[in-house]
Amino acid sequence: MKRCYIAPVASSGVGIASLVGLPIRYHNHISAYPSIPETEQALGGLLVYFMLENDDSPNANTNQNIEVVSGIQGFAAYLTGDGDSTKRHLLGDFIDITGCDGKCLRDFRVSPNGKLEVILLCPLTMEKAEGMLETAESTGVATLELLFQFFAAYPAGKAWQKTNRYDPVFNLQVPKLVVEGWVAHWSSAREEVQEIPNVPAEVYRDYVEAVRAANIGAPRASVSMSRRALQSALKQKGAKTENLHDQIEELAASGHLTQATKSLAHGIRYFGNFGAHPANDILEDVRLEDAKLSLQVLRKVLKEMYGPARAK
């Protein structure tokens, strides 16, 4: 395993200031290094570019290919402490999002003077992001550790090629101001608790809990609480039946829900049923986007149920 400690440097790359790792060399002419945009970050987590370059340096006296035969895997973490007291705080595993637009085929063979660029996303919760920020605020920097792993054939295409495992590790010193910008950017994607006039306290508490669950990356808990908030509101408005489907139909028939909002309420019921009935649900399919959609729908339903024209 090769490890590289670096300080932040500016990179013109694609016109975006980046933190760039000092390349780690393999076979005298293969360079591996990461690049992290300082400002143009993804909303869902830490965006990292992993580069593999074939320099074909004259000093290497070689003209060989290298071909990645596995995906680029790894994780990101931040470090605290020094020496033997150093602790690693895992941010998350990398997900390869290169070519997600489906517009191009990928060639993992890197010929002389060629380069392979892989775009990786490390999804992370706000709790972990804020932990990294606390470290940066106390020391002025956050030490970000990036570990990559991949298998590659070298020299690719030759009868004597071998498949080798590569484990480059980079430690980047990220300035506090950069970390602050990242966390502010990630926070902008969070759900905000909105005031909904006239909503009973017990219903509003369930709604707030659903928002908080979504913001810590717990979509299953969020949709379950959205369902609970909806059912509490329906009962408060006079629903007599016990089944949520029937309660929605009952309130629509009594005029508390329009036909359009009734359909939206059934959407919340559908997602919420995943968490309410674990024996026969498909809870693993619930994503954060589903939780946020459920919250948007829940707010619309509650505003209609407790709006000035309907509040009692």
Protein backbone atom coordinates (compact mmCIF):
# COMPACT_ATOMS: atom_id res chain seq x y z
CA MET A 1 0.00 0.00 0.00
CA LYS A 2 1.43 3.36 -1.00
CA ARG A 3 0.52 6.44 0.99
CA CYS A 4 0.95 10.08 0.02
CA TYR A 5 0.60 13.11 2.32
CA ILE A 6 -0.03 16.39 0.55
CA ALA A 7 -1.12 19.97 1.03
CA PRO A 8 -3.87 21.59 -1.04
CA VAL A 9 -2.86 23.04 -4.40
CA ALA A 10 -4.77 24.82 -7.12
CA SER A 11 -5.56 22.93 -10.29
CA SER A 12 -6.81 24.43 -13.50
CA GLY A 13 -8.01 20.96 -14.62
CA VAL A 14 -11.46 21.84 -15.90
CA GLY A 15 -11.36 25.42 -14.74
CA ILE A 16 -12.29 24.57 -11.15
CA ALA A 17 -10.02 25.06 -8.12
CA SER A 18 -9.33 21.62 -6.71
CA LEU A 19 -7.39 19.76 -4.07
CA VAL A 20 -5.03 17.51 -6.03
CA GLY A 21 -2.97 14.64 -4.71
CA LEU A 22 0.71 14.29 -5.52
CA PRO A 23 0.79 11.35 -7.99
CA ILE A 24 1.85 7.92 -6.78
CA ARG A 25 3.96 6.14 -9.39
CA TYR A 26 3.74 2.52 -10.48
CA HIS A 27 6.02 0.74 -12.98
CA ASN A 28 7.99 3.99 -13.39
CA HIS A 29 5.40 5.53 -15.73
CA ILE A 30 1.87 4.95 -14.34
CA SER A 31 0.57 7.77 -12.12
CA ALA A 32 -2.43 7.58 -9.81
CA TYR A 33 -3.84 10.62 -8.02
CA PRO A 34 -7.15 12.10 -6.79
CA SER A 35 -8.70 15.50 -7.39
CA ILE A 36 -11.47 17.02 -5.25
CA PRO A 37 -13.32 20.16 -6.39
CA GLU A 38 -13.17 22.88 -3.76
CA THR A 39 -16.50 24.44 -4.73
CA GLU A 40 -18.32 22.46 -7.42
CA GLN A 41 -19.43 19.68 -5.08
CA ALA A 42 -22.34 17.26 -5.41
CA LEU A 43 -25.41 17.76 -3.23
CA GLY A 44 -25.44 14.13 -2.14
CA GLY A 45 -21.89 13.87 -0.80
CA LEU A 46 -18.20 14.26 -1.51
CA LEU A 47 -17.29 14.28 -5.20
CA VAL A 48 -13.85 12.83 -6.00
CA TYR A 49 -12.07 12.36 -9.32
CA PHE A 50 -9.58 9.48 -9.55
CA MET A 51 -6.99 9.70 -12.32
CA LEU A 52 -4.77 7.02 -13.79
CA GLU A 53 -2.22 8.32 -16.30
CA ASN A 54 0.25 6.48 -18.53
CA ASP A 55 3.13 8.92 -18.90
CA ASP A 56 5.28 6.92 -21.34
CA SER A 57 8.24 8.75 -19.85
CA PRO A 58 11.45 8.44 -21.88
CA ASN A 59 13.28 7.78 -18.63
CA ALA A 60 11.11 4.71 -18.02
CA ASN A 61 12.21 3.10 -21.28
CA THR A 62 8.82 1.51 -21.69
CA ASN A 63 5.83 1.54 -23.99
CA GLN A 64 3.30 -0.55 -22.09
CA ASN A 65 -0.44 -0.45 -21.50
CA ILE A 66 -2.24 -0.87 -18.22
CA GLU A 67 -5.86 -2.04 -18.08
CA VAL A 68 -8.12 -1.81 -15.05
CA VAL A 69 -9.99 -5.11 -14.77
CA SER A 70 -12.12 -4.22 -11.74
CA GLY A 71 -14.06 -1.19 -10.62
CA ILE A 72 -12.33 1.56 -8.66
CA GLN A 73 -13.38 1.04 -5.06
CA GLY A 74 -12.48 2.64 -1.77
CA PHE A 75 -13.63 4.98 0.96
CA ALA A 76 -13.17 8.44 2.41
CA ALA A 77 -12.52 9.29 6.04
CA TYR A 78 -11.22 12.15 8.13
CA LEU A 79 -8.52 11.79 10.77
CA THR A 80 -8.22 13.22 14.26
CA GLY A 81 -5.33 13.08 16.72
CA ASP A 82 -1.65 12.47 16.08
CA GLY A 83 0.72 9.54 16.06
CA ASP A 84 -0.52 6.50 17.97
CA SER A 85 -3.66 8.41 19.02
CA THR A 86 -4.78 9.01 15.43
CA LYS A 87 -8.39 7.99 14.85
CA ARG A 88 -10.09 7.37 11.51
CA HIS A 89 -13.71 8.54 11.17
CA LEU A 90 -15.34 6.89 8.18
CA LEU A 91 -17.34 9.18 5.90
CA GLY A 92 -18.49 6.47 3.49
CA ASP A 93 -17.67 4.19 0.58
CA PHE A 94 -17.18 5.43 -2.96
CA ILE A 95 -19.79 4.88 -5.66
CA ASP A 96 -18.60 5.03 -9.28
CA ILE A 97 -20.89 7.51 -11.08
CA THR A 98 -18.81 7.87 -14.25
CA GLY A 99 -20.95 7.82 -17.37
CA CYS A 100 -24.25 7.79 -15.49
CA ASP A 101 -25.72 9.75 -18.39
CA GLY A 102 -25.30 6.64 -20.55
CA LYS A 103 -23.78 8.60 -23.42
CA CYS A 104 -20.46 6.82 -23.76
CA LEU A 105 -18.74 3.47 -23.44
CA ARG A 106 -15.80 3.28 -21.10
CA ASP A 107 -12.39 1.97 -22.07
CA PHE A 108 -10.37 0.85 -19.05
CA ARG A 109 -7.15 0.32 -21.01
CA VAL A 110 -4.76 3.22 -20.62
CA SER A 111 -2.30 3.42 -23.50
CA PRO A 112 0.93 5.45 -23.48
CA ASN A 113 0.13 9.17 -23.10
CA GLY A 114 -3.45 8.21 -22.19
CA LYS A 115 -5.53 8.88 -19.06
CA LEU A 116 -8.44 7.20 -17.29
CA GLU A 117 -10.72 9.47 -15.26
CA VAL A 118 -13.22 7.95 -12.84
CA ILE A 119 -15.84 10.06 -11.06
CA LEU A 120 -16.64 8.83 -7.56
CA LEU A 121 -19.26 9.93 -5.06
CA CYS A 122 -19.00 9.34 -1.33
CA PRO A 123 -22.53 9.74 0.07
CA LEU A 124 -22.48 11.01 3.64
CA THR A 125 -24.88 12.11 6.34
CA MET A 126 -24.91 15.63 7.71
CA GLU A 127 -23.86 14.23 11.08
CA LYS A 128 -20.59 12.97 9.57
CA ALA A 129 -20.09 16.14 7.56
CA GLU A 130 -20.55 18.29 10.66
CA GLY A 131 -18.09 16.07 12.56
CA MET A 132 -15.48 16.80 9.90
CA LEU A 133 -16.31 20.51 10.15
CA GLU A 134 -15.83 20.48 13.93
CA THR A 135 -12.35 19.04 13.42
CA ALA A 136 -11.51 21.71 10.84
CA GLU A 137 -12.76 24.48 13.12
CA SER A 138 -10.59 23.28 16.01
CA THR A 139 -7.37 22.78 14.02
CA GLY A 140 -7.80 24.99 10.95
CA VAL A 141 -7.79 22.01 8.59
CA ALA A 142 -9.46 18.63 8.17
CA THR A 143 -7.17 15.74 7.26
CA LEU A 144 -9.11 13.84 4.62
CA GLU A 145 -7.99 10.27 3.90
CA LEU A 146 -8.84 8.73 0.54
CA LEU A 147 -8.15 5.04 0.02
CA PHE A 148 -8.60 3.47 -3.43
CA GLN A 149 -8.36 -0.13 -4.53
CA PHE A 150 -8.39 -1.67 -7.98
CA PHE A 151 -6.98 -4.58 -9.96
CA ALA A 152 -5.21 -4.00 -13.27
CA ALA A 153 -3.43 -6.06 -15.91
CA TYR A 154 0.13 -4.99 -16.69
CA PRO A 155 1.58 -4.93 -19.28
CA ALA A 156 -1.90 -5.28 -20.77
CA GLY A 157 -2.14 -7.25 -23.98
CA LYS A 158 1.19 -9.01 -23.55
CA ALA A 159 1.55 -12.77 -23.13
CA TRP A 160 3.38 -12.17 -19.84
CA GLN A 161 0.85 -9.72 -18.40
CA LYS A 162 0.05 -10.05 -14.71
CA THR A 163 -2.98 -8.91 -12.72
CA ASN A 164 -1.85 -6.75 -9.81
CA ARG A 165 -3.72 -5.17 -6.94
CA TYR A 166 -3.16 -1.46 -6.31
CA ASP A 167 -4.03 0.32 -3.04
CA PRO A 168 -3.02 4.00 -3.24
CA VAL A 169 -3.82 6.09 -0.17
CA PHE A 170 -3.79 9.90 -0.04
CA ASN A 171 -4.10 12.26 2.91
CA LEU A 172 -5.25 15.75 1.95
CA GLN A 173 -5.16 18.77 4.24
CA VAL A 174 -8.47 20.53 3.55
CA PRO A 175 -8.65 24.16 4.80
CA LYS A 176 -11.44 25.08 7.18
CA LEU A 177 -13.00 27.52 4.70
CA VAL A 178 -13.29 24.78 2.08
CA VAL A 179 -14.94 22.39 4.55
CA GLU A 180 -17.33 25.15 5.62
CA GLY A 181 -18.31 25.67 1.99
CA TRP A 182 -18.90 21.95 1.48
CA VAL A 183 -21.09 21.63 4.57
CA ALA A 184 -23.11 24.72 3.65
CA HIS A 185 -23.63 23.29 0.17
CA TRP A 186 -24.70 19.89 1.49
CA SER A 187 -26.99 21.55 4.03
CA SER A 188 -28.80 23.35 1.23
CA ALA A 189 -30.20 20.01 0.09
CA ARG A 190 -31.69 19.28 3.49
CA GLU A 191 -35.39 19.37 4.19
CA GLU A 192 -36.49 22.35 6.26
CA VAL A 193 -39.17 22.15 8.91
CA GLN A 194 -41.96 24.43 7.74
CA GLU A 195 -44.60 26.00 9.88
CA ILE A 196 -48.08 24.69 9.06
CA PRO A 197 -50.75 26.83 10.77
CA ASN A 198 -53.58 25.19 12.76
CA VAL A 199 -52.03 21.71 12.72
CA PRO A 200 -52.47 19.94 16.09
CA ALA A 201 -49.30 19.57 18.15
CA GLU A 202 -49.20 15.76 18.01
CA VAL A 203 -49.51 15.78 14.21
CA TYR A 204 -46.85 18.47 13.87
CA ARG A 205 -44.44 16.54 16.11
CA ASP A 206 -44.71 13.50 13.83
CA TYR A 207 -44.08 15.71 10.80
CA VAL A 208 -40.98 17.27 12.42
CA GLU A 209 -39.64 13.81 13.26
CA ALA A 210 -40.15 12.73 9.65
CA VAL A 211 -38.08 15.73 8.49
CA ARG A 212 -35.31 15.00 10.97
CA ALA A 213 -35.15 11.36 9.90
CA ALA A 214 -34.75 12.39 6.25
CA ASN A 215 -31.96 14.81 7.15
CA ILE A 216 -29.87 12.15 8.86
CA GLY A 217 -30.23 9.79 5.88
CA ALA A 218 -32.92 7.52 7.36
CA PRO A 219 -35.57 7.43 4.60
CA ARG A 220 -37.42 4.40 5.96
CA ALA A 221 -37.95 6.04 9.33
CA SER A 222 -39.00 9.24 7.58
CA VAL A 223 -41.72 7.69 5.41
CA SER A 224 -43.03 5.77 8.43
CA MET A 225 -43.36 9.01 10.40
CA SER A 226 -44.99 10.77 7.44
CA ARG A 227 -47.58 7.98 7.39
CA ARG A 228 -48.10 8.33 11.13
CA ALA A 229 -48.56 12.11 10.83
CA LEU A 230 -51.13 11.60 8.05
CA GLN A 231 -53.08 9.02 10.01
CA SER A 232 -53.08 11.17 13.15
CA ALA A 233 -54.45 14.09 11.13
CA LEU A 234 -57.19 11.96 9.57
CA LYS A 235 -58.31 10.72 12.99
CA GLN A 236 -58.23 14.23 14.41
CA LYS A 237 -60.49 15.31 11.56
CA GLY A 238 -63.01 12.64 12.47
CA ALA A 239 -62.10 9.46 10.59
CA LYS A 240 -63.83 6.54 12.31
CA THR A 241 -62.38 3.58 10.43
CA GLU A 242 -59.08 1.96 11.47
CA ASN A 243 -57.60 1.16 8.04
CA LEU A 244 -55.60 4.06 6.56
CA HIS A 245 -56.94 3.43 3.06
CA ASP A 246 -60.51 3.64 4.36
CA GLN A 247 -59.70 6.71 6.46
CA ILE A 248 -58.48 8.56 3.38
CA GLU A 249 -61.59 7.60 1.43
CA GLU A 250 -63.79 8.59 4.38
CA LEU A 251 -62.28 12.07 4.67
CA ALA A 252 -62.47 12.57 0.91
CA ALA A 253 -66.15 11.64 0.96
CA SER A 254 -66.80 14.11 3.79
CA GLY A 255 -65.12 16.92 1.87
CA HIS A 256 -61.96 17.29 3.95
CA LEU A 257 -59.82 16.15 1.03
CA THR A 258 -60.15 17.00 -2.64
CA GLN A 259 -59.85 14.19 -5.16
CA ALA A 260 -56.35 15.37 -6.10
CA THR A 261 -55.18 15.48 -2.49
CA LYS A 262 -56.78 12.11 -1.83
CA SER A 263 -54.51 10.61 -4.47
CA LEU A 264 -51.49 12.27 -2.86
CA ALA A 265 -52.49 10.91 0.55
CA HIS A 266 -52.64 7.42 -0.88
CA GLY A 267 -49.07 7.95 -2.08
CA ILE A 268 -47.97 8.59 1.53
CA ARG A 269 -49.89 5.51 2.61
CA TYR A 270 -48.09 3.44 -0.02
CA PHE A 271 -44.62 4.46 1.11
CA GLY A 272 -45.53 4.39 4.80
CA ASN A 273 -46.89 0.87 4.54
CA PHE A 274 -43.33 -0.28 3.80
CA GLY A 275 -42.27 0.60 7.32
CA ALA A 276 -45.55 -0.16 9.07
CA HIS A 277 -45.83 -3.76 7.87
CA PRO A 278 -42.33 -5.28 7.80
CA ALA A 279 -43.58 -8.82 7.25
CA ASN A 280 -44.58 -8.10 3.67
CA ASP A 281 -43.00 -4.79 2.72
CA ILE A 282 -40.27 -3.83 0.28
CA LEU A 283 -38.61 -1.32 2.61
CA GLU A 284 -35.19 -1.72 1.05
CA ASP A 285 -36.54 0.02 -2.07
CA VAL A 286 -37.31 3.26 -0.23
CA ARG A 287 -34.80 5.96 -1.15
CA LEU A 288 -34.11 9.41 0.27
CA GLU A 289 -35.86 10.91 -2.76
CA ASP A 290 -38.98 8.94 -1.80
CA ALA A 291 -38.83 10.29 1.75
CA LYS A 292 -38.50 13.87 0.51
CA LEU A 293 -41.40 13.39 -1.89
CA SER A 294 -43.52 12.00 0.95
CA LEU A 295 -42.71 15.09 3.04
CA GLN A 296 -43.67 17.43 0.21
CA VAL A 297 -46.96 15.60 -0.25
CA LEU A 298 -47.60 15.51 3.50
CA ARG A 299 -47.18 19.27 3.75
CA LYS A 300 -49.62 19.81 0.91
CA VAL A 301 -52.19 17.47 2.47
CA LEU A 302 -51.90 19.07 5.92
CA LYS A 303 -52.16 22.60 4.52
CA GLU A 304 -55.34 21.63 2.70
CA MET A 305 -56.82 19.86 5.71
CA TYR A 306 -56.01 22.67 8.15
CA GLY A 307 -56.14 25.70 5.83
CA PRO A 308 -58.23 28.74 6.86
CA ALA A 309 -61.28 27.49 4.98
CA ARG A 310 -61.22 24.10 6.71
CA ALA A 311 -59.72 24.76 10.14
CA LYS A 312 -62.04 23.95 13.00
